[in-house]
Amino acid sequence: MISAQIKRHPKFDILYDLPQDTEVIVLIGGRGGMKTYEASKFIAYSSTMKRKRTVVLRDEKELIRESILAEILTRYDTADQAGLLSLFYKRLDTGIKDLKTGDMIVFTQGFRASSKDKKANLKGVSNIDLAVIEEAEDIRDVNKYNTFVDSLRKEGALVMIILNTPDIQHWIVKRFFNTELVEDGYFRLIPKKLPGFVCIQTSFEDNPYLPTHIIRNYRDYGNKDSHLYNPHYYKTAILGLASSGRMGQIHKKVKPIKLQEYMDLPYKELYGQDFGTASPAGTVGVKIYKNTVWCRQINYLPMSTLDLGKMYCQLKFGPKDKVVADNADKDALEKLDNGWSLKELSEDDALKYPDLLKGFHMVPSKKGPGSVEYGISLMDSLELYAVEESIDLWDEINNRVYDQDKNLNYTNEPKPGWDHLMDPWMYVCVDHYGTERGKKQNLKNKLGYFG
């Protein structure tokens, strides 16, 4: 087989020397970041030089020829100017065929055959070395992705996901990235340290080949004095920031921590509890040391009081495991605190969960006029960490915003919702630090002090 030299941008060098355990590669960022160009080069190289069977996928199959497939064929044509590749492959408008085996070595497939189809159409995809999912921001249903990836049975198969940065609610963001607030409503994506995951992030600033007028236009989208000024487009499509679509975010300083790192912290875990039989009965675990507070999600399902008690038994809560709970449901608090009588339990529950008879160490949350504002102010004065695997917790962190008055000015009260885990986290903080610290912090805020 012939050999080839590949000229590539340094940011994409890792594609040609991937870590041995690589399973998923994500190319993400703003416009003009060379994602499609460099990916098409890698695909053409991998399929012809390494004989990797490649399928190119998009949400709709009928749109694929308009994009990366054409780029792949262009890279192939450039490499085949001397006709050497034609000795081994046949270049078709629909892909590249291996003359020796008769198999398509590069071909296309759609998650849907057309825009009218609702179901995935992935039959016949087998023996794949490289699956390339282009414009993955259009694939909002994670089950489509999971179904396809689970069908890749070949040892060492790679999935390459190419996309412009989507909004913060997209499953790709939630699965592969942590977020860092840049400004109200806009987040920088930070790749998670996941096994088998490689990420390449680029923007137009990395591209040395863009024409001057394109660079000027891109920058003018962020220039208030330009007729092209479009700050949202500039931050998302050009710079590649993820938008929450929500302004007035409350919790702006929370940092991620891995679950195992949280579990290894040598501090006693406290617990916060929200109640809900129709909405989530949010349960959190919280660890505190000095000015730092860590939190993990334990439950986000609706639960009856009895089911919560059973969960506490399963978690092996003892008399020293404090649970700070919403004081609005006094009946639930009293029952969990005092326990059940034998006649209130089935024989099976009494045998399986004997601690239900004893009750648990329940503490009512401290609530009153201004308590929510105080709690938020207290949390804002702390260094906060949330377990990155706690998906629902991060959803609440990113989506909880201040309410607005009739003039659309932000108030000091949160907008209802996104509080089934944040409230119990706040209950624990208020219970631990007490009201005196909060009063001092509120005074500092009013005086404009920072510290």
Protein backbone atom coordinates (compact mmCIF):
# COMPACT_ATOMS: atom_id res chain seq x y z
CA MET A 1 0.00 0.00 0.00
CA ILE A 2 1.17 3.52 -0.78
CA SER A 3 2.03 5.98 1.97
CA ALA A 4 1.07 9.62 2.34
CA GLN A 5 2.09 12.75 4.21
CA ILE A 6 -0.74 14.70 5.80
CA LYS A 7 -0.48 18.43 6.23
CA ARG A 8 -2.69 19.42 9.14
CA HIS A 9 -3.23 22.16 11.67
CA PRO A 10 -1.42 21.47 15.00
CA LYS A 11 -4.72 21.42 16.90
CA PHE A 12 -5.71 18.34 14.90
CA ASP A 13 -2.43 16.43 15.29
CA ILE A 14 -4.00 14.24 17.95
CA LEU A 15 -6.32 12.69 15.34
CA TYR A 16 -3.33 10.92 13.82
CA ASP A 17 -1.95 9.73 17.14
CA LEU A 18 -5.02 8.98 19.24
CA PRO A 19 -4.71 7.50 22.74
CA GLN A 20 -5.14 3.76 22.59
CA ASP A 21 -8.48 3.67 24.41
CA THR A 22 -10.16 6.43 22.36
CA GLU A 23 -13.84 5.79 21.64
CA VAL A 24 -15.37 9.22 21.02
CA ILE A 25 -13.89 12.29 19.34
CA VAL A 26 -15.75 15.60 19.48
CA LEU A 27 -14.83 18.48 17.17
CA ILE A 28 -16.67 21.55 18.42
CA GLY A 29 -16.52 25.33 18.33
CA GLY A 30 -17.54 28.36 16.33
CA ARG A 31 -17.70 28.99 12.61
CA GLY A 32 -14.51 29.00 10.57
CA GLY A 33 -12.73 26.65 12.97
CA MET A 34 -11.64 24.12 10.30
CA LYS A 35 -13.67 21.30 11.84
CA THR A 36 -15.14 19.97 8.60
CA TYR A 37 -11.97 20.59 6.59
CA GLU A 38 -9.64 18.79 8.98
CA ALA A 39 -12.15 16.02 9.67
CA SER A 40 -12.62 15.34 5.94
CA LYS A 41 -8.86 15.11 5.55
CA PHE A 42 -8.62 12.64 8.42
CA ILE A 43 -11.52 10.56 7.06
CA ALA A 44 -10.04 10.37 3.56
CA TYR A 45 -6.68 9.38 5.04
CA SER A 46 -8.13 6.81 7.46
CA SER A 47 -10.31 5.13 4.86
CA THR A 48 -7.69 4.89 2.10
CA MET A 49 -4.37 4.66 3.90
CA LYS A 50 -5.59 2.73 6.96
CA ARG A 51 -8.48 0.92 5.23
CA LYS A 52 -10.93 2.05 7.89
CA ARG A 53 -14.54 1.51 6.86
CA THR A 54 -16.29 4.83 7.45
CA VAL A 55 -19.95 5.79 7.62
CA VAL A 56 -20.94 9.45 7.53
CA LEU A 57 -24.17 10.22 9.36
CA ARG A 58 -26.38 13.22 9.63
CA ASP A 59 -29.86 13.72 10.99
CA GLU A 60 -31.25 13.51 7.45
CA LYS A 61 -29.48 11.40 4.86
CA GLU A 62 -30.65 13.56 1.95
CA LEU A 63 -28.58 16.49 3.26
CA ILE A 64 -25.24 14.69 3.63
CA ARG A 65 -24.01 15.19 0.06
CA GLU A 66 -24.25 18.94 0.57
CA SER A 67 -21.61 18.95 3.26
CA ILE A 68 -18.81 16.76 4.54
CA LEU A 69 -19.09 13.98 1.93
CA ALA A 70 -18.24 16.49 -0.78
CA GLU A 71 -15.27 17.62 1.32
CA ILE A 72 -14.08 14.02 1.76
CA LEU A 73 -14.28 13.40 -1.98
CA THR A 74 -12.39 16.63 -2.65
CA ARG A 75 -9.60 15.53 -0.29
CA TYR A 76 -9.57 12.15 -2.07
CA ASP A 77 -9.34 13.79 -5.50
CA THR A 78 -6.45 15.96 -4.34
CA ALA A 79 -4.55 12.93 -3.03
CA ASP A 80 -5.30 10.95 -6.22
CA GLN A 81 -3.92 13.41 -8.74
CA ALA A 82 -1.30 10.87 -9.80
CA GLY A 83 -3.92 8.14 -10.02
CA LEU A 84 -2.36 5.95 -7.33
CA LEU A 85 -5.48 5.70 -5.17
CA SER A 86 -7.50 4.65 -8.21
CA LEU A 87 -5.49 1.42 -8.27
CA PHE A 88 -7.22 0.41 -5.06
CA TYR A 89 -10.45 2.39 -4.86
CA LYS A 90 -13.27 3.66 -7.01
CA ARG A 91 -14.47 7.15 -6.34
CA LEU A 92 -18.26 7.49 -6.61
CA ASP A 93 -20.58 10.42 -6.02
CA THR A 94 -22.00 8.49 -3.06
CA GLY A 95 -18.67 7.55 -1.47
CA ILE A 96 -15.55 5.47 -2.04
CA LYS A 97 -15.52 1.77 -2.99
CA ASP A 98 -12.77 -0.75 -2.20
CA LEU A 99 -11.94 -2.50 -5.49
CA LYS A 100 -10.47 -5.52 -3.73
CA THR A 101 -13.46 -6.36 -1.52
CA GLY A 102 -16.24 -4.63 -3.43
CA ASP A 103 -17.36 -2.95 -0.21
CA MET A 104 -18.08 0.75 0.18
CA ILE A 105 -15.27 1.99 2.39
CA VAL A 106 -16.84 5.44 2.74
CA PHE A 107 -20.61 5.70 2.59
CA THR A 108 -23.48 7.67 4.08
CA GLN A 109 -26.40 6.91 6.33
CA GLY A 110 -29.10 9.04 7.89
CA PHE A 111 -30.60 8.86 11.33
CA ARG A 112 -33.72 9.60 9.28
CA ALA A 113 -34.21 9.02 5.58
CA SER A 114 -36.00 12.37 5.25
CA SER A 115 -37.45 15.18 7.30
CA LYS A 116 -40.82 13.40 7.32
CA ASP A 117 -39.45 10.35 9.10
CA LYS A 118 -39.55 10.34 12.89
CA LYS A 119 -37.72 7.10 13.56
CA ALA A 120 -34.04 6.31 13.11
CA ASN A 121 -33.18 4.49 9.90
CA LEU A 122 -29.94 2.68 10.72
CA LYS A 123 -30.39 -0.78 9.27
CA GLY A 124 -27.46 -2.26 7.39
CA VAL A 125 -24.75 -0.37 9.26
CA SER A 126 -22.19 -2.97 10.31
CA ASN A 127 -18.47 -3.64 10.40
CA ILE A 128 -17.73 0.03 10.98
CA ASP A 129 -14.31 1.35 12.01
CA LEU A 130 -15.20 5.06 12.02
CA ALA A 131 -18.64 6.63 12.41
CA VAL A 132 -18.73 10.35 11.66
CA ILE A 133 -21.78 12.29 12.88
CA GLU A 134 -21.90 15.68 11.21
CA GLU A 135 -23.89 18.71 12.40
CA ALA A 136 -24.70 16.79 15.55
CA GLU A 137 -26.35 19.85 17.06
CA ASP A 138 -29.39 18.91 14.93
CA ILE A 139 -29.72 15.58 16.76
CA ARG A 140 -31.66 16.51 19.89
CA ASP A 141 -32.79 12.99 20.75
CA VAL A 142 -30.01 11.25 22.68
CA ASN A 143 -31.71 7.91 22.14
CA LYS A 144 -30.93 8.11 18.43
CA TYR A 145 -27.26 8.44 19.26
CA ASN A 146 -27.32 5.75 21.93
CA THR A 147 -29.12 3.30 19.64
CA PHE A 148 -26.57 3.80 16.89
CA VAL A 149 -23.46 3.68 19.08
CA ASP A 150 -24.69 0.55 20.83
CA SER A 151 -24.85 -1.14 17.42
CA LEU A 152 -21.12 -0.57 16.77
CA ARG A 153 -19.74 -3.95 17.73
CA LYS A 154 -16.36 -3.86 16.03
CA GLU A 155 -13.40 -3.73 18.41
CA GLY A 156 -11.73 -0.32 18.33
CA ALA A 157 -14.57 1.44 16.48
CA LEU A 158 -14.42 5.24 16.74
CA VAL A 159 -17.24 7.77 16.82
CA MET A 160 -16.41 11.28 15.59
CA ILE A 161 -18.96 13.99 16.43
CA ILE A 162 -18.70 17.28 14.53
CA LEU A 163 -20.80 20.27 15.52
CA ASN A 164 -21.02 23.97 16.11
CA THR A 165 -21.56 24.72 19.79
CA PRO A 166 -25.21 24.07 20.69
CA ASP A 167 -27.20 25.50 23.57
CA ILE A 168 -26.42 24.42 27.09
CA GLN A 169 -29.39 22.02 27.26
CA HIS A 170 -28.13 19.82 24.41
CA TRP A 171 -27.30 16.26 25.46
CA ILE A 172 -23.80 16.53 23.95
CA VAL A 173 -23.02 19.44 26.27
CA LYS A 174 -24.43 17.62 29.28
CA ARG A 175 -22.65 14.36 28.49
CA PHE A 176 -19.20 15.57 27.50
CA PHE A 177 -18.66 19.03 29.00
CA ASN A 178 -18.62 21.07 32.16
CA THR A 179 -19.62 24.71 31.84
CA GLU A 180 -17.99 27.90 33.03
CA LEU A 181 -19.99 31.12 33.07
CA VAL A 182 -18.38 33.80 30.90
CA GLU A 183 -21.17 36.33 31.22
CA ASP A 184 -24.87 36.28 31.94
CA GLY A 185 -26.43 33.55 29.81
CA TYR A 186 -23.22 32.41 28.04
CA PHE A 187 -20.87 29.59 28.98
CA ARG A 188 -17.46 28.28 28.00
CA LEU A 189 -17.42 24.51 27.48
CA ILE A 190 -14.74 22.61 29.38
CA PRO A 191 -14.26 18.98 28.26
CA LYS A 192 -14.86 16.44 30.98
CA LYS A 193 -12.05 14.01 31.76
CA LEU A 194 -13.90 10.95 30.55
CA PRO A 195 -12.28 7.63 29.62
CA GLY A 196 -11.98 7.21 25.86
CA PHE A 197 -12.97 10.83 25.14
CA VAL A 198 -10.93 13.25 22.99
CA CYS A 199 -12.07 16.81 22.29
CA ILE A 200 -10.77 19.42 19.85
CA GLN A 201 -12.16 22.95 20.26
CA THR A 202 -11.49 25.62 17.66
CA SER A 203 -12.71 29.01 16.48
CA PHE A 204 -11.98 31.23 13.51
CA GLU A 205 -9.04 32.65 15.46
CA ASP A 206 -7.26 29.28 14.97
CA ASN A 207 -7.73 29.32 11.19
CA PRO A 208 -4.80 30.87 9.28
CA TYR A 209 -6.50 30.36 5.91
CA LEU A 210 -9.60 32.52 6.32
CA PRO A 211 -9.83 35.50 3.94
CA THR A 212 -9.36 38.89 5.54
CA HIS A 213 -12.90 40.04 4.78
CA ILE A 214 -14.37 36.96 6.51
CA ILE A 215 -12.29 37.59 9.62
CA ARG A 216 -13.39 41.23 9.58
CA ASN A 217 -17.05 40.24 9.31
CA TYR A 218 -16.74 37.73 12.14
CA ARG A 219 -15.23 40.33 14.42
CA ASP A 220 -17.77 42.96 13.41
CA TYR A 221 -20.58 40.80 14.74
CA GLY A 222 -19.16 41.62 18.17
CA ASN A 223 -18.41 45.27 17.41
CA LYS A 224 -21.05 47.69 18.74
CA ASP A 225 -20.06 50.27 16.15
CA SER A 226 -20.54 47.93 13.19
CA HIS A 227 -23.69 47.61 11.09
CA LEU A 228 -23.24 43.81 11.48
CA TYR A 229 -23.41 43.96 15.28
CA ASN A 230 -25.19 40.88 16.61
CA PRO A 231 -23.90 40.01 20.09
CA HIS A 232 -25.79 36.71 20.48
CA TYR A 233 -24.63 35.44 17.09
CA TYR A 234 -21.09 36.57 17.85
CA LYS A 235 -20.92 34.80 21.20
CA THR A 236 -22.51 31.55 20.03
CA ALA A 237 -21.90 30.98 16.31
CA ILE A 238 -18.57 32.81 16.10
CA LEU A 239 -16.88 32.41 19.49
CA GLY A 240 -18.50 29.04 20.19
CA LEU A 241 -19.97 29.83 23.60
CA ALA A 242 -22.99 27.83 24.75
CA SER A 243 -26.08 29.88 25.47
CA SER A 244 -28.55 29.08 28.22
CA GLY A 245 -31.12 31.27 26.55
CA ARG A 246 -31.81 32.52 30.06
CA MET A 247 -30.55 35.77 31.55
CA GLY A 248 -30.40 36.58 35.23
CA GLN A 249 -28.80 33.33 36.32
CA ILE A 250 -28.56 33.04 40.11
CA HIS A 251 -25.78 30.55 40.79
CA LYS A 252 -22.83 31.71 38.71
CA LYS A 253 -19.78 30.42 40.59
CA VAL A 254 -20.40 26.69 41.01
CA LYS A 255 -17.47 24.50 39.97
CA PRO A 256 -17.54 20.81 38.99
CA ILE A 257 -16.05 17.94 40.95
CA LYS A 258 -16.02 14.25 40.04
CA LEU A 259 -18.24 11.95 42.08
CA GLN A 260 -15.31 9.84 43.27
CA GLU A 261 -13.45 12.97 44.38
CA TYR A 262 -16.55 14.03 46.32
CA MET A 263 -16.90 10.63 47.98
CA ASP A 264 -13.22 10.71 48.96
CA LEU A 265 -13.56 14.05 50.80
CA PRO A 266 -12.87 13.32 54.49
CA TYR A 267 -15.85 15.28 55.80
CA LYS A 268 -19.14 14.04 57.21
CA GLU A 269 -22.01 14.16 54.73
CA LEU A 270 -25.11 16.15 55.60
CA TYR A 271 -28.38 15.81 53.71
CA GLY A 272 -31.02 18.16 52.34
CA GLN A 273 -34.57 17.13 51.44
CA ASP A 274 -37.34 18.65 49.36
CA PHE A 275 -40.75 16.95 49.35
CA GLY A 276 -42.83 16.04 46.32
CA THR A 277 -45.15 13.29 45.16
CA ALA A 278 -45.90 14.90 41.78
CA SER A 279 -42.73 16.98 41.48
CA PRO A 280 -39.24 15.71 42.39
CA ALA A 281 -38.57 14.95 46.05
CA GLY A 282 -35.04 16.26 45.67
CA THR A 283 -32.43 14.78 47.98
CA VAL A 284 -28.86 16.04 48.13
CA GLY A 285 -25.71 15.09 49.98
CA VAL A 286 -23.56 17.98 51.17
CA LYS A 287 -20.04 18.15 52.58
CA ILE A 288 -18.69 21.30 54.21
CA TYR A 289 -15.23 22.45 55.25
CA LYS A 290 -14.66 26.02 56.36
CA ASN A 291 -15.78 28.23 53.44
CA THR A 292 -16.18 25.43 50.89
CA VAL A 293 -19.33 23.40 50.21
CA TRP A 294 -19.67 20.37 47.95
CA CYS A 295 -22.97 18.87 46.80
CA ARG A 296 -24.20 15.72 45.06
CA GLN A 297 -27.60 14.66 43.81
CA ILE A 298 -29.09 11.58 45.50
CA ASN A 299 -32.71 11.56 44.33
CA TYR A 300 -34.75 13.47 41.74
CA LEU A 301 -37.83 11.27 41.56
CA PRO A 302 -41.20 12.07 43.13
CA MET A 303 -41.56 10.02 46.31
CA SER A 304 -44.08 9.46 49.08
CA THR A 305 -42.99 9.95 52.66
CA LEU A 306 -42.79 6.19 53.14
CA ASP A 307 -40.67 5.77 50.01
CA LEU A 308 -38.29 8.43 51.30
CA GLY A 309 -38.02 6.53 54.57
CA LYS A 310 -37.21 3.34 52.67
CA MET A 311 -34.58 5.21 50.67
CA TYR A 312 -33.01 6.47 53.91
CA CYS A 313 -32.88 2.88 55.12
CA GLN A 314 -31.19 1.79 51.91
CA LEU A 315 -28.69 4.62 52.33
CA LYS A 316 -28.10 3.34 55.89
CA PHE A 317 -28.95 6.64 57.56
CA GLY A 318 -28.29 6.46 61.29
CA PRO A 319 -29.24 8.71 64.22
CA LYS A 320 -26.23 10.97 63.52
CA ASP A 321 -27.06 11.51 59.83
CA LYS A 322 -28.77 14.90 59.80
CA VAL A 323 -31.42 15.57 57.13
CA VAL A 324 -32.45 19.23 56.79
CA ALA A 325 -35.86 19.20 55.13
CA ASP A 326 -38.44 21.64 53.80
CA ASN A 327 -40.48 22.78 56.80
CA ALA A 328 -43.57 23.41 54.65
CA ASP A 329 -44.63 19.75 54.86
CA LYS A 330 -44.83 19.32 58.63
CA ASP A 331 -46.62 15.96 58.40
CA ALA A 332 -43.83 14.43 56.31
CA LEU A 333 -41.19 15.89 58.60
CA GLU A 334 -42.89 14.57 61.72
CA LYS A 335 -43.40 11.10 60.26
CA LEU A 336 -39.80 10.77 59.08
CA ASP A 337 -38.54 12.09 62.42
CA ASN A 338 -40.71 9.95 64.71
CA GLY A 339 -41.02 6.87 62.55
CA TRP A 340 -43.92 4.55 61.81
CA SER A 341 -45.78 2.20 64.11
CA LEU A 342 -45.98 -1.50 63.33
CA LYS A 343 -49.62 -1.24 62.35
CA GLU A 344 -48.78 1.46 59.79
CA LEU A 345 -46.34 -0.81 57.95
CA SER A 346 -46.77 -3.98 56.00
CA GLU A 347 -45.12 -7.02 57.51
CA ASP A 348 -42.64 -7.08 54.64
CA ASP A 349 -41.67 -3.40 55.10
CA ALA A 350 -41.29 -3.82 58.86
CA LEU A 351 -38.93 -6.76 58.36
CA LYS A 352 -37.01 -5.27 55.47
CA TYR A 353 -36.74 -1.71 56.84
CA PRO A 354 -36.68 -1.91 60.67
CA ASP A 355 -35.28 1.62 60.95
CA LEU A 356 -38.66 2.92 59.76
CA LEU A 357 -39.87 2.16 63.29
CA LYS A 358 -37.17 4.38 64.82
CA GLY A 359 -37.33 7.37 62.52
CA PHE A 360 -34.48 9.56 61.35
CA HIS A 361 -32.63 12.70 62.41
CA MET A 362 -34.83 15.27 60.69
CA VAL A 363 -34.31 19.02 61.08
CA PRO A 364 -36.79 21.58 59.67
CA SER A 365 -35.34 24.18 57.33
CA LYS A 366 -35.12 27.75 58.60
CA LYS A 367 -37.67 29.80 56.68
CA GLY A 368 -39.23 33.19 57.11
CA PRO A 369 -39.50 36.61 55.45
CA GLY A 370 -36.45 37.17 53.27
CA SER A 371 -35.11 33.67 53.95
CA VAL A 372 -34.69 32.80 50.26
CA GLU A 373 -32.81 36.02 49.53
CA TYR A 374 -30.67 35.39 52.59
CA GLY A 375 -29.97 31.79 51.58
CA ILE A 376 -28.90 32.78 48.08
CA SER A 377 -26.68 35.52 49.49
CA LEU A 378 -25.11 33.03 51.89
CA MET A 379 -24.41 30.52 49.14
CA ASP A 380 -22.97 33.29 46.99
CA SER A 381 -20.42 33.99 49.74
CA LEU A 382 -19.20 30.38 49.70
CA GLU A 383 -16.99 28.39 47.37
CA LEU A 384 -19.41 25.91 45.81
CA TYR A 385 -18.79 22.62 44.02
CA ALA A 386 -21.33 20.29 42.41
CA VAL A 387 -20.69 16.70 41.35
CA GLU A 388 -20.48 16.75 37.57
CA GLU A 389 -22.29 13.41 37.23
CA SER A 390 -25.32 14.96 38.98
CA ILE A 391 -27.09 15.94 35.76
CA ASP A 392 -30.32 17.24 37.30
CA LEU A 393 -28.38 19.31 39.81
CA TRP A 394 -26.46 21.00 37.01
CA ASP A 395 -29.69 21.58 35.10
CA GLU A 396 -31.00 23.51 38.09
CA ILE A 397 -27.76 25.44 38.55
CA ASN A 398 -27.80 26.52 34.91
CA ASN A 399 -31.52 27.25 34.67
CA ARG A 400 -32.39 28.88 37.96
CA VAL A 401 -32.87 32.60 37.31
CA TYR A 402 -34.17 35.65 39.13
CA ASP A 403 -37.77 36.62 38.54
CA GLN A 404 -38.67 39.84 36.73
CA ASP A 405 -41.20 42.49 37.58
CA LYS A 406 -43.73 43.97 35.15
CA ASN A 407 -41.03 46.26 33.77
CA LEU A 408 -38.75 43.24 33.14
CA ASN A 409 -36.34 44.34 35.85
CA TYR A 410 -34.83 41.51 37.88
CA THR A 411 -36.00 41.12 41.46
CA ASN A 412 -34.20 39.49 44.38
CA GLU A 413 -36.53 36.47 44.27
CA PRO A 414 -35.93 33.39 42.11
CA LYS A 415 -38.36 32.58 39.35
CA PRO A 416 -40.44 29.52 40.37
CA GLY A 417 -38.94 26.21 39.30
CA TRP A 418 -35.50 24.61 39.09
CA ASP A 419 -35.29 24.44 42.87
CA HIS A 420 -35.93 20.80 43.86
CA LEU A 421 -32.22 20.26 44.54
CA MET A 422 -31.01 23.84 44.97
CA ASP A 423 -33.44 24.48 47.84
CA PRO A 424 -32.33 21.46 49.91
CA TRP A 425 -28.70 22.41 49.24
CA MET A 426 -29.54 25.87 50.56
CA TYR A 427 -31.34 24.37 53.59
CA VAL A 428 -28.14 22.58 54.61
CA CYS A 429 -25.99 25.68 54.14
CA VAL A 430 -28.33 27.86 56.20
CA ASP A 431 -28.58 25.23 58.91
CA HIS A 432 -24.81 24.80 59.08
CA TYR A 433 -23.65 28.42 58.94
CA GLY A 434 -26.55 29.96 60.86
CA THR A 435 -28.23 33.29 60.37
CA GLU A 436 -25.53 35.52 61.86
CA ARG A 437 -23.13 34.90 58.99
CA GLY A 438 -25.91 35.62 56.52
CA LYS A 439 -26.72 38.94 58.19
CA LYS A 440 -23.10 39.97 57.97
CA GLN A 441 -22.89 38.93 54.34
CA ASN A 442 -26.06 40.84 53.44
CA LEU A 443 -24.63 43.94 55.13
CA LYS A 444 -21.43 43.59 53.09
CA ASN A 445 -23.44 43.29 49.90
CA LYS A 446 -25.44 46.40 50.71
CA LEU A 447 -22.29 48.36 51.52
CA GLY A 448 -20.61 47.20 48.33
CA TYR A 449 -17.82 45.27 50.04
CA PHE A 450 -16.22 42.29 48.42
CA GLY A 451 -14.29 39.68 50.34
